[in-house]
C-alpha cells in the first residue's frame, strides 16, 4: 500500500467527534437509555471518545461497550484458518436500550450487518443507530450510517486508515492506494 493523502488531522477529527456527539444528543433528545458499542478494533477508541464528549456536554456517563463480530461475519472462513477472537464487553443489558454502534469506516456494510446480528443475539434493543468516522461508499448491503464524521469517496483500489492516539500513536485519517 502506498500513501496517497491525509484527509484529516487530529484537530479535524476532534471537531467531527464533537459534532457527532451533538447530533446524537439532538436526535435522541438527550442520552437517556443510550449505550455506545465500539466495534473492534478502531470503533472502540472512537466509542470511548464519544462517551467522553457526551459526558462533557450532558454531564452524564453513557455506558460504553465493545463488540467482537468475528463469529457473525459471513466471510470468516475466507479470512484465515484460525480467526482471532477479541473480547466483547457489554456492561449493560441491550434490552430496551438505544444502541449506537460505532465503527471507524463504513464500506460494504457487512461489518455493520454482523454487528447488528451480534447485538440482537443479546436481546432486543429499542433501536440501533450507526456512527461511522468515515463513509467511503461502495455499499453492498442497504445500510446507511446515522452519523458520519466525513464522507470520503474512494475507488475500490484505495483504502482508508483511521488512526487513533490510543492505538496508533497519532490521530489522522489517511488514504492509501494498492
C-alpha atoms as a PDB file:
ATOM      1  CA  UNK A   1       0.000   0.000   0.000  1.00  0.00           C
ATOM      2  CA  UNK A   2       1.241   3.433  -0.908  1.00  0.00           C
ATOM      3  CA  UNK A   3       0.329   6.600   0.991  1.00  0.00           C
ATOM      4  CA  UNK A   4      -1.867   8.885  -1.124  1.00  0.00           C
ATOM      5  CA  UNK A   5      -3.182  11.668   1.110  1.00  0.00           C
ATOM      6  CA  UNK A   6      -4.034  12.712   4.651  1.00  0.00           C
ATOM      7  CA  UNK A   7      -7.692  13.714   4.690  1.00  0.00           C
ATOM      8  CA  UNK A   8      -7.977  14.600   8.391  1.00  0.00           C
ATOM      9  CA  UNK A   9      -5.560  15.527  11.141  1.00  0.00           C
ATOM     10  CA  UNK A  10      -6.179  15.259  14.872  1.00  0.00           C
ATOM     11  CA  UNK A  11      -7.801  18.673  15.131  1.00  0.00           C
ATOM     12  CA  UNK A  12     -10.291  17.903  12.353  1.00  0.00           C
ATOM     13  CA  UNK A  13     -11.040  14.528  13.922  1.00  0.00           C
ATOM     14  CA  UNK A  14     -11.783  16.200  17.262  1.00  0.00           C
ATOM     15  CA  UNK A  15     -14.217  18.623  15.633  1.00  0.00           C
ATOM     16  CA  UNK A  16     -16.002  15.761  13.837  1.00  0.00           C
ATOM     17  CA  UNK A  17     -16.366  13.728  17.031  1.00  0.00           C
ATOM     18  CA  UNK A  18     -17.785  16.735  18.848  1.00  0.00           C
ATOM     19  CA  UNK A  19     -20.284  17.313  16.031  1.00  0.00           C
ATOM     20  CA  UNK A  20     -21.309  13.644  16.037  1.00  0.00           C
ATOM     21  CA  UNK A  21     -21.882  13.821  19.818  1.00  0.00           C
ATOM     22  CA  UNK A  22     -24.154  16.850  19.389  1.00  0.00           C
ATOM     23  CA  UNK A  23     -26.051  15.109  16.565  1.00  0.00           C
ATOM     24  CA  UNK A  24     -26.579  12.033  18.750  1.00  0.00           C
ATOM     25  CA  UNK A  25     -27.960  14.167  21.567  1.00  0.00           C
ATOM     26  CA  UNK A  26     -30.213  16.138  19.251  1.00  0.00           C
ATOM     27  CA  UNK A  27     -31.658  13.077  17.530  1.00  0.00           C
ATOM     28  CA  UNK A  28     -32.218  11.195  20.795  1.00  0.00           C
ATOM     29  CA  UNK A  29     -33.299  14.226  22.845  1.00  0.00           C
ATOM     30  CA  UNK A  30     -30.515  13.645  25.352  1.00  0.00           C
ATOM     31  CA  UNK A  31     -28.711  10.490  26.341  1.00  0.00           C
ATOM     32  CA  UNK A  32     -31.277   8.608  28.441  1.00  0.00           C
ATOM     33  CA  UNK A  33     -31.326   4.919  27.515  1.00  0.00           C
ATOM     34  CA  UNK A  34     -28.360   5.323  25.120  1.00  0.00           C
ATOM     35  CA  UNK A  35     -25.480   2.845  25.045  1.00  0.00           C
ATOM     36  CA  UNK A  36     -22.391   3.072  22.843  1.00  0.00           C
ATOM     37  CA  UNK A  37     -20.848  -0.090  21.385  1.00  0.00           C
ATOM     38  CA  UNK A  38     -17.461   0.135  19.691  1.00  0.00           C
ATOM     39  CA  UNK A  39     -16.789  -2.497  17.039  1.00  0.00           C
ATOM     40  CA  UNK A  40     -13.276  -3.953  17.369  1.00  0.00           C
ATOM     41  CA  UNK A  41     -10.759  -2.602  16.605  1.00  0.00           C
ATOM     42  CA  UNK A  42     -10.920   1.115  15.743  1.00  0.00           C
ATOM     43  CA  UNK A  43     -14.559   1.543  16.747  1.00  0.00           C
ATOM     44  CA  UNK A  44     -13.512   1.010  20.370  1.00  0.00           C
ATOM     45  CA  UNK A  45     -11.441   4.195  20.839  1.00  0.00           C
ATOM     46  CA  UNK A  46     -13.998   6.157  18.831  1.00  0.00           C
ATOM     47  CA  UNK A  47     -16.826   4.966  21.119  1.00  0.00           C
ATOM     48  CA  UNK A  48     -14.760   5.863  24.180  1.00  0.00           C
ATOM     49  CA  UNK A  49     -14.124   9.338  22.832  1.00  0.00           C
ATOM     50  CA  UNK A  50     -17.808   9.802  22.006  1.00  0.00           C
ATOM     51  CA  UNK A  51     -18.705   8.803  25.569  1.00  0.00           C
ATOM     52  CA  UNK A  52     -16.259  11.447  26.836  1.00  0.00           C
ATOM     53  CA  UNK A  53     -17.802  14.075  24.546  1.00  0.00           C
ATOM     54  CA  UNK A  54     -21.353  13.172  25.630  1.00  0.00           C
ATOM     55  CA  UNK A  55     -20.356  13.439  29.288  1.00  0.00           C
ATOM     56  CA  UNK A  56     -18.747  16.846  28.671  1.00  0.00           C
ATOM     57  CA  UNK A  57     -21.930  18.120  27.017  1.00  0.00           C
ATOM     58  CA  UNK A  58     -24.630  16.468  29.161  1.00  0.00           C
ATOM     59  CA  UNK A  59     -22.764  15.624  32.364  1.00  0.00           C
ATOM     60  CA  UNK A  60     -23.976  12.015  32.147  1.00  0.00           C
ATOM     61  CA  UNK A  61     -21.949   8.820  31.797  1.00  0.00           C
ATOM     62  CA  UNK A  62     -23.222   6.949  28.749  1.00  0.00           C
ATOM     63  CA  UNK A  63     -22.500   3.220  29.064  1.00  0.00           C
ATOM     64  CA  UNK A  64     -19.854   2.109  26.597  1.00  0.00           C
ATOM     65  CA  UNK A  65     -19.054  -1.431  25.499  1.00  0.00           C
ATOM     66  CA  UNK A  66     -17.001  -3.311  22.932  1.00  0.00           C
ATOM     67  CA  UNK A  67     -18.066  -5.870  20.367  1.00  0.00           C
ATOM     68  CA  UNK A  68     -16.174  -8.594  18.521  1.00  0.00           C
ATOM     69  CA  UNK A  69     -18.141  -9.568  15.419  1.00  0.00           C
ATOM     70  CA  UNK A  70     -15.816 -12.349  14.208  1.00  0.00           C
ATOM     71  CA  UNK A  71     -18.341 -15.168  14.764  1.00  0.00           C
ATOM     72  CA  UNK A  72     -21.054 -13.208  12.962  1.00  0.00           C
ATOM     73  CA  UNK A  73     -19.083 -12.410   9.798  1.00  0.00           C
ATOM     74  CA  UNK A  74     -20.269 -14.006   6.565  1.00  0.00           C
ATOM     75  CA  UNK A  75     -16.671 -14.337   5.360  1.00  0.00           C
ATOM     76  CA  UNK A  76     -14.981 -15.682   8.495  1.00  0.00           C
ATOM     77  CA  UNK A  77     -13.855 -18.867   6.723  1.00  0.00           C
ATOM     78  CA  UNK A  78     -12.305 -16.851   3.889  1.00  0.00           C
ATOM     79  CA  UNK A  79     -10.239 -14.619   6.177  1.00  0.00           C
ATOM     80  CA  UNK A  80      -7.966 -17.178   7.819  1.00  0.00           C
ATOM     81  CA  UNK A  81      -7.900 -20.736   9.076  1.00  0.00           C
ATOM     82  CA  UNK A  82      -7.571 -19.507  12.661  1.00  0.00           C
ATOM     83  CA  UNK A  83      -9.565 -16.290  13.164  1.00  0.00           C
ATOM     84  CA  UNK A  84      -8.549 -14.031  16.044  1.00  0.00           C
ATOM     85  CA  UNK A  85     -11.285 -13.620  18.626  1.00  0.00           C
ATOM     86  CA  UNK A  86     -11.379 -10.470  20.740  1.00  0.00           C
ATOM     87  CA  UNK A  87     -13.422  -9.973  23.872  1.00  0.00           C
ATOM     88  CA  UNK A  88     -16.849  -8.444  23.666  1.00  0.00           C
ATOM     89  CA  UNK A  89     -17.696  -6.454  26.760  1.00  0.00           C
ATOM     90  CA  UNK A  90     -21.214  -5.096  27.131  1.00  0.00           C
ATOM     91  CA  UNK A  91     -21.571  -3.890  30.742  1.00  0.00           C
ATOM     92  CA  UNK A  92     -25.301  -3.265  30.256  1.00  0.00           C
ATOM     93  CA  UNK A  93     -28.421  -5.026  29.042  1.00  0.00           C
ATOM     94  CA  UNK A  94     -29.299  -4.226  25.429  1.00  0.00           C
ATOM     95  CA  UNK A  95     -32.988  -4.925  26.008  1.00  0.00           C
ATOM     96  CA  UNK A  96     -34.975  -1.714  25.533  1.00  0.00           C
ATOM     97  CA  UNK A  97     -31.888   0.481  25.029  1.00  0.00           C
ATOM     98  CA  UNK A  98     -30.926   2.558  22.024  1.00  0.00           C
ATOM     99  CA  UNK A  99     -27.648   1.053  20.881  1.00  0.00           C
ATOM    100  CA  UNK A 100     -25.265   3.222  18.905  1.00  0.00           C
ATOM    101  CA  UNK A 101     -22.843   1.010  17.008  1.00  0.00           C
ATOM    102  CA  UNK A 102     -19.555   2.819  16.464  1.00  0.00           C
ATOM    103  CA  UNK A 103     -17.009   1.957  13.777  1.00  0.00           C
ATOM    104  CA  UNK A 104     -14.158   3.803  12.149  1.00  0.00           C
ATOM    105  CA  UNK A 105     -15.017   3.165   8.481  1.00  0.00           C
ATOM    106  CA  UNK A 106     -18.169   2.004   6.750  1.00  0.00           C
ATOM    107  CA  UNK A 107     -17.506   0.372   3.399  1.00  0.00           C
ATOM    108  CA  UNK A 108     -19.638  -2.545   2.151  1.00  0.00           C
ATOM    109  CA  UNK A 109     -21.929  -2.673   5.206  1.00  0.00           C
ATOM    110  CA  UNK A 110     -21.087  -6.272   6.016  1.00  0.00           C
ATOM    111  CA  UNK A 111     -19.342  -5.455   9.303  1.00  0.00           C
ATOM    112  CA  UNK A 112     -22.388  -3.476  10.445  1.00  0.00           C
ATOM    113  CA  UNK A 113     -24.709  -6.331   9.470  1.00  0.00           C
ATOM    114  CA  UNK A 114     -22.621  -8.707  11.580  1.00  0.00           C
ATOM    115  CA  UNK A 115     -22.593  -6.241  14.491  1.00  0.00           C
ATOM    116  CA  UNK A 116     -26.387  -5.880  14.387  1.00  0.00           C
ATOM    117  CA  UNK A 117     -26.732  -9.658  14.462  1.00  0.00           C
ATOM    118  CA  UNK A 118     -24.348  -9.854  17.448  1.00  0.00           C
ATOM    119  CA  UNK A 119     -26.339  -7.189  19.323  1.00  0.00           C
ATOM    120  CA  UNK A 120     -29.671  -8.852  18.551  1.00  0.00           C
ATOM    121  CA  UNK A 121     -28.334 -12.160  19.915  1.00  0.00           C
ATOM    122  CA  UNK A 122     -28.053 -10.444  23.307  1.00  0.00           C
ATOM    123  CA  UNK A 123     -31.574  -9.043  23.471  1.00  0.00           C
ATOM    124  CA  UNK A 124     -33.981  -6.729  21.720  1.00  0.00           C
ATOM    125  CA  UNK A 125     -32.867  -3.107  21.768  1.00  0.00           C
ATOM    126  CA  UNK A 126     -35.354  -0.264  21.324  1.00  0.00           C
ATOM    127  CA  UNK A 127     -33.291   0.734  18.297  1.00  0.00           C
ATOM    128  CA  UNK A 128     -29.869   0.513  16.706  1.00  0.00           C
ATOM    129  CA  UNK A 129     -28.104   3.529  15.227  1.00  0.00           C
ATOM    130  CA  UNK A 130     -24.747   3.705  13.482  1.00  0.00           C
ATOM    131  CA  UNK A 131     -21.916   6.205  13.892  1.00  0.00           C
ATOM    132  CA  UNK A 132     -19.014   5.891  11.459  1.00  0.00           C
ATOM    133  CA  UNK A 133     -15.998   8.134  11.395  1.00  0.00           C
ATOM    134  CA  UNK A 134     -15.562   7.755   7.629  1.00  0.00           C
ATOM    135  CA  UNK A 135     -18.066   6.711   4.982  1.00  0.00           C
ATOM    136  CA  UNK A 136     -16.157   5.623   1.883  1.00  0.00           C
ATOM    137  CA  UNK A 137     -19.122   4.371  -0.145  1.00  0.00           C
ATOM    138  CA  UNK A 138     -19.314   1.111  -2.151  1.00  0.00           C
ATOM    139  CA  UNK A 139     -22.142  -0.399  -0.087  1.00  0.00           C
ATOM    140  CA  UNK A 140     -23.142  -3.995  -0.834  1.00  0.00           C
ATOM    141  CA  UNK A 141     -25.976  -4.000   1.706  1.00  0.00           C
ATOM    142  CA  UNK A 142     -28.717  -1.400   2.262  1.00  0.00           C
ATOM    143  CA  UNK A 143     -27.078   0.091   5.356  1.00  0.00           C
ATOM    144  CA  UNK A 144     -26.595   3.805   5.926  1.00  0.00           C
ATOM    145  CA  UNK A 145     -24.904   5.423   8.929  1.00  0.00           C
ATOM    146  CA  UNK A 146     -26.919   7.816  11.073  1.00  0.00           C
ATOM    147  CA  UNK A 147     -23.831   9.842  11.997  1.00  0.00           C
ATOM    148  CA  UNK A 148     -20.762  10.363   9.809  1.00  0.00           C
ATOM    149  CA  UNK A 149     -17.567  12.228  10.596  1.00  0.00           C
ATOM    150  CA  UNK A 150     -16.530  12.610   6.963  1.00  0.00           C
ATOM    151  CA  UNK A 151     -17.589  11.253   3.581  1.00  0.00           C
ATOM    152  CA  UNK A 152     -14.505  10.220   1.617  1.00  0.00           C
ATOM    153  CA  UNK A 153     -15.351   8.830  -1.829  1.00  0.00           C
ATOM    154  CA  UNK A 154     -12.773   6.226  -2.785  1.00  0.00           C
ATOM    155  CA  UNK A 155     -12.094   3.739  -5.519  1.00  0.00           C
ATOM    156  CA  UNK A 156     -12.120   0.041  -4.696  1.00  0.00           C
ATOM    157  CA  UNK A 157      -8.322   0.045  -5.118  1.00  0.00           C
ATOM    158  CA  UNK A 158      -7.932   2.578  -2.315  1.00  0.00           C
ATOM    159  CA  UNK A 159      -8.174   2.012   1.406  1.00  0.00           C
ATOM    160  CA  UNK A 160      -8.834   4.301   4.343  1.00  0.00           C
ATOM    161  CA  UNK A 161      -6.816   4.193   7.531  1.00  0.00           C
ATOM    162  CA  UNK A 162      -8.283   5.852  10.630  1.00  0.00           C
ATOM    163  CA  UNK A 163      -5.645   6.160  13.331  1.00  0.00           C
ATOM    164  CA  UNK A 164      -6.254   6.992  16.979  1.00  0.00           C
ATOM    165  CA  UNK A 165      -3.667   8.090  19.514  1.00  0.00           C
ATOM    166  CA  UNK A 166      -4.738   5.250  21.819  1.00  0.00           C
ATOM    167  CA  UNK A 167      -3.997   2.514  19.288  1.00  0.00           C
ATOM    168  CA  UNK A 168      -1.655   4.074  16.732  1.00  0.00           C
ATOM    169  CA  UNK A 169       0.144   6.921  18.480  1.00  0.00           C
ATOM    170  CA  UNK A 170      -1.409   9.555  16.187  1.00  0.00           C
ATOM    171  CA  UNK A 171      -4.830  10.916  15.270  1.00  0.00           C
ATOM    172  CA  UNK A 172      -5.336  11.044  11.499  1.00  0.00           C
ATOM    173  CA  UNK A 173      -7.277   9.704   8.535  1.00  0.00           C
ATOM    174  CA  UNK A 174      -5.204   8.663   5.517  1.00  0.00           C
ATOM    175  CA  UNK A 175      -5.907   7.230   2.060  1.00  0.00           C
ATOM    176  CA  UNK A 176      -3.685   4.533   0.578  1.00  0.00           C
ATOM    177  CA  UNK A 177      -3.576   3.050  -2.916  1.00  0.00           C
ATOM    178  CA  UNK A 178      -2.854  -0.559  -3.825  1.00  0.00           C
END
